[in-house]
Amino acid sequence: MSVEKISRRPARVVAGACTALALTLVAACASNGDAGANSKSDKAESVRQVELPVKKAQGKPIVVGMINNDTNAAGNFANMGEATRAAVKYVNNNLGGAGGRPIRLEYCNSNGTTAASANCAAQILEQHPAAVIGGLDLGSDGSLPLLAKAGVPYVATTPISATELTSPDSFSFFAGAAGSQIAASVYAAKELHTKKAAVLFNENPQARLAAERFVRDVLKAQGVKKVTMVPFGVNETDVAGPLSQALQGGTDTVFGIMPESGCVNVLKAKQSLASTATYVFTGNCAAPGVLKAGGSAADGSYFPVSVQPANADTPDTKAFRAAIAKYAPSVDLGFYPESAFAATVSLSRVLGKTDKPDDPAAVIKAFHALKNEPTFVGPPVTCDGKQVAGLPSVCTNQVRIVKSENGRLQDVAGRWYSG
């Protein structure tokens, strides 16, 4: 653990279900949650297409902290830290800083425990930060109470705990696991015209709660009358049996809530059964490793993701690819790193909206004032605590719906989609 310097259900029920879904997805994310195919070629292309402006920040640095689990038993998330460092360099060297001033990053690598995260928060607070970014911090229940007591805002890039999702001084520019799955279920009902659905999920209380709350209940509310729930064992690798059960009765859409390895197993079973149903997985399964392992069986699968796909042809994604190629060339263009990068750039804009960017109270006030505010590679946000019922920290319920086609992700909705 170290700090380094670089220049309408009760909230507990909804947050608990969201945390359950997020932890289910994190469980096998040793690949850093990378998403989008051909990452290296995308970065190389971005260097040819985009020349970053030169606009250096000046003056006294604004201190921003970050707590992230670089690596532990749950997986390797160091790419999120590297992406955040790259974003700070991009803001300071190419965007003129936050309101003209440079950002100084105080980074703390915790080991996934609440005690370690609390220690990280204590170390960062000694540096008087204006805000603290949360990467993928599995111990945030330890850090957030200290930050809240000090009145320092917390910016969650991948919120996974109830504390991150409900703390009054915590903010997320992205929909997160719950909002993403709700939006995917609405999309399947409205746009894919789902009539008979099945939900495949790992058999544990957390995954079941998420499958029921954010898929089954949402589908039924959208008029899908038949939704079959099909659990299977966490260690079950041959899922042809559960998938056959899911496909009985003319199922046209299969939802998958599971870690990346589970998605690969479902895709293999899909191919062996010659299934023609439509498949909708959680966003973590849009990883290159899943798409590659799934091969042609992955084609046609849908995923809800919180940011624009890194290979999209937009000014923000082009700038993202160019900045990563310049400042962190070893980082793959995955959704986790992209979310961390985007949160940092978007935070710099919030800091620039106040004449007291060193004052955490002023920064919190600036967050609460955001209304339909554009974000970097993300959706517009409104931080009024009302965007996702029971999750006041989430500033949007909008996602992109992407589809795997020939090993690449295509933005099929072509817009931000909400549940």
Protein backbone atom coordinates (compact mmCIF):
# COMPACT_ATOMS: atom_id res chain seq x y z
CA MET A 1 0.00 0.00 0.00
CA SER A 2 1.56 3.30 -1.02
CA VAL A 3 0.85 6.90 -1.87
CA GLU A 4 2.56 8.42 -4.87
CA LYS A 5 2.50 11.95 -6.28
CA ILE A 6 1.86 12.66 -9.91
CA SER A 7 1.96 16.27 -11.42
CA ARG A 8 -38.14 3.11 -5.51
CA ARG A 9 -37.18 0.57 -3.26
CA PRO A 10 -35.55 1.32 0.06
CA ALA A 11 -31.99 2.41 -0.68
CA ARG A 12 -30.49 -0.50 1.28
CA VAL A 13 -32.38 -3.09 -0.81
CA VAL A 14 -31.60 -1.49 -4.17
CA ALA A 15 -27.98 -0.72 -3.29
CA GLY A 16 -27.54 -4.24 -1.93
CA ALA A 17 -28.79 -5.75 -5.16
CA CYS A 18 -26.55 -3.46 -7.19
CA THR A 19 -23.54 -4.36 -5.06
CA ALA A 20 -24.37 -8.04 -5.49
CA LEU A 21 -24.41 -7.68 -9.27
CA ALA A 22 -21.20 -5.68 -9.33
CA LEU A 23 -19.35 -8.14 -7.11
CA THR A 24 -20.60 -11.04 -9.22
CA LEU A 25 -19.11 -9.38 -12.28
CA VAL A 26 -15.85 -8.38 -10.61
CA ALA A 27 -15.21 -11.91 -9.40
CA ALA A 28 -13.38 -12.99 -12.56
CA CYS A 29 -12.05 -9.72 -13.93
CA ALA A 30 -8.38 -10.63 -13.89
CA SER A 31 -8.21 -9.28 -17.44
CA ASN A 32 -8.75 -5.70 -16.22
CA GLY A 33 -12.21 -5.58 -17.73
CA ASP A 34 -10.71 -4.68 -21.11
CA ALA A 35 -13.25 -4.24 -23.85
CA GLY A 36 -13.22 -3.46 -27.54
CA ALA A 37 -11.32 -5.50 -30.06
CA ASN A 38 -8.03 -4.65 -31.76
CA SER A 39 -6.89 -2.29 -28.99
CA LYS A 40 -3.35 -1.88 -30.35
CA SER A 41 -4.50 -1.09 -33.87
CA ASP A 42 -7.06 1.39 -32.51
CA LYS A 43 -4.31 3.22 -30.59
CA ALA A 44 -2.00 3.23 -33.60
CA GLU A 45 -4.78 4.62 -35.77
CA SER A 46 -5.51 7.33 -33.22
CA VAL A 47 -1.93 8.59 -33.40
CA ARG A 48 -2.31 9.06 -37.16
CA GLN A 49 -5.70 10.74 -36.91
CA VAL A 50 -5.42 13.00 -33.86
CA GLU A 51 -2.80 15.51 -32.81
CA LEU A 52 -3.39 16.55 -29.24
CA PRO A 53 -3.35 20.29 -28.57
CA VAL A 54 -0.58 21.74 -26.43
CA LYS A 55 -2.01 23.79 -23.59
CA LYS A 56 -0.13 23.50 -20.32
CA ALA A 57 -1.65 24.27 -16.96
CA GLN A 58 0.00 26.80 -14.68
CA GLY A 59 -0.13 27.81 -11.05
CA LYS A 60 -0.61 25.97 -7.78
CA PRO A 61 -1.63 22.34 -8.28
CA ILE A 62 -5.04 21.08 -7.17
CA VAL A 63 -4.64 17.88 -5.16
CA VAL A 64 -6.83 14.96 -6.23
CA GLY A 65 -6.55 11.55 -4.58
CA MET A 66 -7.16 8.09 -5.99
CA ILE A 67 -7.68 4.76 -4.22
CA ASN A 68 -7.45 1.66 -6.39
CA ASN A 69 -6.72 -2.05 -6.03
CA ASP A 70 -3.83 -2.56 -8.43
CA THR A 71 -3.92 -6.30 -7.91
CA ASN A 72 -5.34 -8.83 -5.46
CA ALA A 73 -7.23 -12.12 -5.44
CA ALA A 74 -10.18 -10.57 -7.29
CA GLY A 75 -8.08 -9.48 -10.24
CA ASN A 76 -5.62 -7.00 -11.67
CA PHE A 77 -6.94 -3.45 -11.94
CA ALA A 78 -3.63 -1.60 -12.34
CA ASN A 79 -4.76 -0.42 -15.78
CA MET A 80 -7.27 1.87 -14.07
CA GLY A 81 -4.48 3.57 -12.18
CA GLU A 82 -2.35 3.90 -15.30
CA ALA A 83 -5.30 5.35 -17.21
CA THR A 84 -5.90 7.89 -14.44
CA ARG A 85 -2.26 8.95 -14.52
CA ALA A 86 -2.55 9.36 -18.29
CA ALA A 87 -5.70 11.44 -17.85
CA VAL A 88 -3.94 13.76 -15.41
CA LYS A 89 -1.13 14.30 -17.92
CA TYR A 90 -3.69 14.90 -20.66
CA VAL A 91 -5.53 17.47 -18.56
CA ASN A 92 -2.34 19.22 -17.48
CA ASN A 93 -0.49 19.21 -20.83
CA ASN A 94 -3.26 19.32 -23.42
CA LEU A 95 -6.36 20.87 -21.86
CA GLY A 96 -4.78 23.62 -19.77
CA GLY A 97 -5.62 21.98 -16.46
CA ALA A 98 -8.69 22.37 -14.29
CA GLY A 99 -9.72 25.99 -14.62
CA GLY A 100 -6.16 26.70 -15.75
CA ARG A 101 -4.45 24.97 -12.82
CA PRO A 102 -2.64 21.62 -12.90
CA ILE A 103 -3.87 18.55 -11.04
CA ARG A 104 -1.52 16.68 -8.72
CA LEU A 105 -2.54 13.07 -8.21
CA GLU A 106 -2.05 11.40 -4.84
CA TYR A 107 -2.39 7.70 -5.64
CA CYS A 108 -2.86 4.94 -3.07
CA ASN A 109 -2.81 1.25 -3.95
CA SER A 110 -4.84 -0.72 -1.41
CA ASN A 111 -5.18 -4.49 -1.17
CA GLY A 112 -8.96 -4.80 -1.25
CA THR A 113 -9.63 -4.73 2.49
CA THR A 114 -11.60 -2.09 4.34
CA ALA A 115 -8.69 -1.49 6.70
CA ALA A 116 -6.25 -0.87 3.83
CA SER A 117 -8.66 1.47 2.06
CA ALA A 118 -9.24 3.37 5.31
CA ASN A 119 -5.48 3.75 5.65
CA CYS A 120 -5.29 5.03 2.08
CA ALA A 121 -7.97 7.61 2.82
CA ALA A 122 -6.11 8.76 5.94
CA GLN A 123 -2.86 9.17 3.99
CA ILE A 124 -4.54 11.08 1.16
CA LEU A 125 -6.44 13.35 3.57
CA GLU A 126 -3.09 14.52 4.95
CA GLN A 127 -2.50 16.09 1.52
CA HIS A 128 -5.78 18.11 1.68
CA PRO A 129 -7.39 16.83 -1.54
CA ALA A 130 -10.20 18.61 -3.32
CA ALA A 131 -11.70 15.21 -4.23
CA VAL A 132 -10.81 11.52 -4.26
CA ILE A 133 -11.32 9.20 -7.22
CA GLY A 134 -12.26 5.60 -6.54
CA GLY A 135 -10.92 3.14 -9.07
CA LEU A 136 -12.04 -0.39 -8.40
CA ASP A 137 -11.71 -0.27 -4.62
CA LEU A 138 -13.06 -3.43 -3.03
CA GLY A 139 -12.52 -1.92 0.42
CA SER A 140 -14.31 1.39 -0.11
CA ASP A 141 -16.52 0.75 2.91
CA GLY A 142 -13.41 1.61 4.90
CA SER A 143 -12.36 4.76 3.01
CA LEU A 144 -15.68 6.47 2.37
CA PRO A 145 -16.70 7.10 6.00
CA LEU A 146 -13.38 8.90 6.60
CA LEU A 147 -13.76 10.97 3.44
CA ALA A 148 -17.38 11.78 4.27
CA LYS A 149 -16.42 12.87 7.79
CA ALA A 150 -13.78 15.17 6.28
CA GLY A 151 -16.33 16.50 3.77
CA VAL A 152 -14.28 15.39 0.75
CA PRO A 153 -16.23 14.29 -2.35
CA TYR A 154 -15.64 10.82 -3.75
CA VAL A 155 -15.86 10.13 -7.50
CA ALA A 156 -16.63 6.47 -8.17
CA THR A 157 -15.50 5.16 -11.56
CA THR A 158 -16.81 1.63 -10.98
CA PRO A 159 -19.09 1.79 -7.92
CA ILE A 160 -19.50 -1.62 -6.34
CA SER A 161 -20.41 -1.02 -2.70
CA ALA A 162 -23.60 0.24 -1.12
CA THR A 163 -21.56 2.99 0.52
CA GLU A 164 -20.25 4.22 -2.84
CA LEU A 165 -23.77 4.18 -4.26
CA THR A 166 -25.56 5.91 -1.41
CA SER A 167 -23.09 8.26 0.29
CA PRO A 168 -24.30 11.88 0.01
CA ASP A 169 -20.78 13.01 -0.92
CA SER A 170 -20.16 10.27 -3.50
CA PHE A 171 -20.76 10.84 -7.21
CA SER A 172 -20.60 8.62 -10.29
CA PHE A 173 -20.59 9.88 -13.88
CA PHE A 174 -21.69 6.41 -15.02
CA ALA A 175 -24.79 4.22 -14.60
CA GLY A 176 -22.96 1.31 -13.01
CA ALA A 177 -24.04 -2.32 -12.92
CA ALA A 178 -27.65 -1.78 -11.85
CA GLY A 179 -28.44 1.03 -14.29
CA SER A 180 -26.73 -0.83 -17.13
CA GLN A 181 -28.68 -4.04 -16.63
CA ILE A 182 -31.98 -2.19 -16.24
CA ALA A 183 -31.33 -0.34 -19.51
CA ALA A 184 -30.38 -3.58 -21.28
CA SER A 185 -33.60 -5.21 -20.16
CA VAL A 186 -35.68 -2.28 -21.39
CA TYR A 187 -33.78 -2.33 -24.70
CA ALA A 188 -34.46 -6.04 -25.14
CA ALA A 189 -38.17 -5.56 -24.51
CA LYS A 190 -38.66 -2.44 -26.61
CA GLU A 191 -36.09 -2.70 -29.39
CA LEU A 192 -35.48 -6.45 -29.71
CA HIS A 193 -39.19 -7.19 -29.16
CA THR A 194 -38.50 -9.96 -26.67
CA LYS A 195 -41.52 -12.21 -26.07
CA LYS A 196 -40.04 -15.11 -24.12
CA ALA A 197 -36.87 -14.62 -22.08
CA ALA A 198 -34.62 -16.71 -19.85
CA VAL A 199 -32.06 -15.48 -17.33
CA LEU A 200 -28.94 -17.62 -16.80
CA PHE A 201 -27.08 -16.77 -13.60
CA ASN A 202 -24.68 -18.24 -11.09
CA GLU A 203 -26.48 -19.91 -8.22
CA ASN A 204 -25.74 -17.70 -5.25
CA PRO A 205 -28.00 -15.31 -3.32
CA GLN A 206 -26.33 -12.18 -4.69
CA ALA A 207 -26.56 -13.14 -8.35
CA ARG A 208 -30.14 -14.35 -7.92
CA LEU A 209 -31.17 -11.05 -6.34
CA ALA A 210 -29.61 -9.11 -9.23
CA ALA A 211 -31.14 -11.42 -11.88
CA GLU A 212 -34.58 -11.05 -10.36
CA ARG A 213 -34.46 -7.34 -9.58
CA PHE A 214 -32.78 -5.91 -12.68
CA VAL A 215 -33.80 -8.37 -15.39
CA ARG A 216 -36.92 -10.41 -14.59
CA ASP A 217 -38.83 -7.64 -12.82
CA VAL A 218 -37.88 -5.04 -15.43
CA LEU A 219 -38.83 -7.32 -18.34
CA LYS A 220 -42.20 -8.08 -16.80
CA ALA A 221 -42.82 -4.39 -16.18
CA GLN A 222 -42.16 -3.89 -19.92
CA GLY A 223 -44.76 -6.50 -20.87
CA VAL A 224 -42.62 -9.63 -21.30
CA LYS A 225 -44.92 -12.20 -19.74
CA LYS A 226 -42.70 -15.29 -19.78
CA VAL A 227 -39.32 -15.01 -18.03
CA THR A 228 -37.63 -18.25 -16.97
CA MET A 229 -34.96 -18.18 -14.26
CA VAL A 230 -32.14 -20.72 -14.79
CA PRO A 231 -29.39 -20.83 -12.16
CA PHE A 232 -26.23 -22.90 -12.54
CA GLY A 233 -23.27 -23.69 -10.32
CA VAL A 234 -20.44 -21.20 -9.96
CA ASN A 235 -17.89 -23.90 -10.80
CA GLU A 236 -20.00 -25.47 -13.56
CA THR A 237 -18.09 -25.21 -16.84
CA ASP A 238 -20.30 -27.33 -19.10
CA VAL A 239 -23.50 -25.27 -19.19
CA ALA A 240 -25.15 -27.01 -22.16
CA GLY A 241 -27.71 -28.48 -19.75
CA PRO A 242 -28.74 -25.16 -18.12
CA LEU A 243 -28.77 -23.44 -21.52
CA SER A 244 -30.97 -26.20 -22.99
CA GLN A 245 -33.37 -25.61 -20.11
CA ALA A 246 -33.30 -21.88 -20.77
CA LEU A 247 -34.11 -22.40 -24.46
CA GLN A 248 -37.17 -24.59 -23.84
CA GLY A 249 -40.54 -23.24 -24.88
CA GLY A 250 -39.31 -21.03 -27.69
CA THR A 251 -37.12 -18.59 -25.73
CA ASP A 252 -36.05 -15.78 -28.03
CA THR A 253 -33.74 -13.83 -25.68
CA VAL A 254 -31.25 -15.23 -23.17
CA PHE A 255 -29.76 -12.94 -20.50
CA GLY A 256 -26.47 -13.84 -18.84
CA ILE A 257 -25.39 -12.55 -15.41
CA MET A 258 -22.01 -14.04 -14.58
CA PRO A 259 -18.25 -13.39 -14.62
CA GLU A 260 -16.31 -13.39 -17.87
CA SER A 261 -15.43 -17.08 -17.68
CA GLY A 262 -19.12 -17.92 -17.35
CA CYS A 263 -19.92 -15.92 -20.46
CA VAL A 264 -17.33 -17.91 -22.41
CA ASN A 265 -18.91 -21.16 -21.23
CA VAL A 266 -22.36 -19.98 -22.28
CA LEU A 267 -21.09 -19.01 -25.72
CA LYS A 268 -19.49 -22.45 -26.14
CA ALA A 269 -22.77 -24.08 -25.16
CA LYS A 270 -24.65 -21.80 -27.54
CA GLN A 271 -22.47 -23.00 -30.40
CA SER A 272 -22.76 -26.67 -29.48
CA LEU A 273 -26.56 -26.40 -29.32
CA ALA A 274 -26.75 -24.34 -32.54
CA SER A 275 -28.88 -21.84 -30.65
CA THR A 276 -30.42 -19.01 -32.68
CA ALA A 277 -31.71 -17.03 -29.71
CA THR A 278 -30.50 -13.49 -29.02
CA TYR A 279 -28.01 -13.17 -26.15
CA VAL A 280 -27.71 -10.16 -23.82
CA PHE A 281 -24.77 -10.24 -21.42
CA THR A 282 -23.57 -7.82 -18.78
CA GLY A 283 -21.01 -5.20 -19.83
CA ASN A 284 -18.03 -6.99 -18.27
CA CYS A 285 -18.45 -9.76 -20.85
CA ALA A 286 -17.66 -7.35 -23.67
CA ALA A 287 -13.97 -7.99 -22.88
CA PRO A 288 -11.65 -8.91 -25.79
CA GLY A 289 -10.81 -12.19 -24.07
CA VAL A 290 -14.47 -13.19 -24.03
CA LEU A 291 -15.06 -12.16 -27.63
CA LYS A 292 -11.93 -13.98 -28.78
CA ALA A 293 -12.70 -17.14 -26.82
CA GLY A 294 -16.31 -17.07 -27.94
CA GLY A 295 -15.31 -16.75 -31.59
CA SER A 296 -18.20 -16.68 -34.04
CA ALA A 297 -20.60 -17.64 -31.23
CA ALA A 298 -20.03 -14.18 -29.70
CA ASP A 299 -21.27 -12.45 -32.84
CA GLY A 300 -24.73 -10.99 -32.38
CA SER A 301 -24.42 -10.72 -28.59
CA TYR A 302 -25.49 -7.48 -26.91
CA PHE A 303 -23.86 -5.67 -23.97
CA PRO A 304 -24.75 -2.49 -22.02
CA VAL A 305 -21.66 -0.33 -21.37
CA SER A 306 -21.29 2.92 -19.42
CA VAL A 307 -19.03 4.80 -21.86
CA GLN A 308 -18.69 5.17 -25.61
CA PRO A 309 -16.80 2.19 -27.08
CA ALA A 310 -13.13 3.13 -27.38
CA ASN A 311 -13.16 2.36 -31.12
CA ALA A 312 -16.03 4.79 -31.76
CA ASP A 313 -15.48 7.64 -34.21
CA THR A 314 -16.14 10.62 -31.89
CA PRO A 315 -13.89 13.54 -30.84
CA ASP A 316 -13.73 12.25 -27.27
CA THR A 317 -12.83 8.66 -28.16
CA LYS A 318 -10.22 9.85 -30.65
CA ALA A 319 -8.67 12.04 -27.96
CA PHE A 320 -8.80 9.15 -25.49
CA ARG A 321 -7.00 6.81 -27.87
CA ALA A 322 -4.38 9.43 -28.68
CA ALA A 323 -3.78 10.29 -25.01
CA ILE A 324 -3.42 6.63 -24.04
CA ALA A 325 -1.04 6.05 -26.96
CA LYS A 326 1.06 9.02 -25.79
CA TYR A 327 0.98 8.66 -22.00
CA ALA A 328 0.19 5.01 -21.28
CA PRO A 329 0.91 2.92 -24.39
CA SER A 330 0.87 -0.37 -22.48
CA VAL A 331 -2.75 0.12 -21.37
CA ASP A 332 -5.39 -1.70 -23.37
CA LEU A 333 -8.47 0.23 -24.44
CA GLY A 334 -10.87 -1.47 -22.05
CA PHE A 335 -14.00 -0.12 -20.42
CA TYR A 336 -12.45 -0.07 -16.94
CA PRO A 337 -9.42 2.05 -17.98
CA GLU A 338 -11.64 4.19 -20.19
CA SER A 339 -14.05 4.85 -17.30
CA ALA A 340 -11.17 5.85 -15.00
CA PHE A 341 -9.74 8.16 -17.67
CA ALA A 342 -13.15 9.67 -18.38
CA ALA A 343 -13.96 10.24 -14.71
CA THR A 344 -10.68 12.11 -14.25
CA VAL A 345 -11.23 14.39 -17.24
CA SER A 346 -14.85 15.00 -16.26
CA LEU A 347 -13.79 15.78 -12.68
CA SER A 348 -11.35 18.37 -14.00
CA ARG A 349 -14.30 20.12 -15.66
CA VAL A 350 -16.21 20.15 -12.38
CA LEU A 351 -13.18 21.60 -10.59
CA GLY A 352 -13.02 24.29 -13.26
CA LYS A 353 -16.60 25.33 -12.53
CA THR A 354 -15.79 26.71 -9.09
CA ASP A 355 -13.53 29.58 -8.06
CA LYS A 356 -12.54 27.52 -5.01
CA PRO A 357 -11.34 24.22 -6.52
CA ASP A 358 -9.20 23.49 -3.45
CA ASP A 359 -12.27 23.60 -1.20
CA PRO A 360 -14.04 20.22 -1.06
CA ALA A 361 -17.29 21.88 0.02
CA ALA A 362 -17.22 24.07 -3.09
CA VAL A 363 -16.53 21.02 -5.25
CA ILE A 364 -19.49 19.17 -3.73
CA LYS A 365 -21.66 22.21 -4.43
CA ALA A 366 -20.43 22.21 -8.05
CA PHE A 367 -21.38 18.53 -8.38
CA HIS A 368 -24.88 19.13 -7.08
CA ALA A 369 -25.27 21.99 -9.57
CA LEU A 370 -24.63 19.70 -12.57
CA LYS A 371 -27.76 19.42 -14.69
CA ASN A 372 -27.66 17.60 -18.03
CA GLU A 373 -23.94 18.28 -18.04
CA PRO A 374 -21.82 16.65 -20.81
CA THR A 375 -19.05 14.32 -19.68
CA PHE A 376 -15.96 12.96 -21.42
CA VAL A 377 -16.93 9.82 -23.43
CA GLY A 378 -19.88 9.45 -21.06
CA PRO A 379 -23.53 10.49 -20.97
CA PRO A 380 -24.84 13.84 -19.75
CA VAL A 381 -25.20 13.83 -15.98
CA THR A 382 -27.48 15.40 -13.40
CA CYS A 383 -26.23 14.93 -9.85
CA ASP A 384 -29.51 15.54 -8.01
CA GLY A 385 -29.62 12.09 -6.40
CA LYS A 386 -32.73 11.14 -8.37
CA GLN A 387 -31.40 9.51 -11.54
CA VAL A 388 -31.54 5.91 -10.26
CA ALA A 389 -34.06 5.17 -7.52
CA GLY A 390 -32.37 4.33 -4.24
CA LEU A 391 -28.88 5.11 -5.57
CA PRO A 392 -28.39 8.85 -4.98
CA SER A 393 -24.68 8.83 -5.89
CA VAL A 394 -25.37 7.76 -9.50
CA CYS A 395 -25.72 10.82 -11.73
CA THR A 396 -27.15 9.04 -14.80
CA ASN A 397 -29.19 6.02 -15.84
CA GLN A 398 -27.93 6.05 -19.44
CA VAL A 399 -25.70 3.51 -21.21
CA ARG A 400 -24.60 2.58 -24.71
CA ILE A 401 -25.92 -0.68 -26.14
CA VAL A 402 -23.18 -2.42 -28.12
CA LYS A 403 -23.22 -5.56 -30.24
CA SER A 404 -20.38 -7.89 -31.17
CA GLU A 405 -19.93 -8.15 -34.92
CA ASN A 406 -16.93 -9.97 -36.37
CA GLY A 407 -15.06 -9.63 -33.11
CA ARG A 408 -15.60 -5.88 -32.79
CA LEU A 409 -18.12 -3.90 -30.78
CA GLN A 410 -20.64 -1.81 -32.68
CA ASP A 411 -22.79 0.87 -31.06
CA VAL A 412 -26.16 -0.40 -32.26
CA ALA A 413 -28.44 2.00 -30.41
CA GLY A 414 -26.42 4.94 -31.69
CA ARG A 415 -27.37 7.03 -28.67
CA TRP A 416 -27.45 7.01 -24.91
CA TYR A 417 -30.12 4.58 -23.81
CA SER A 418 -31.85 4.59 -20.43
CA GLY A 419 -34.07 2.25 -18.47
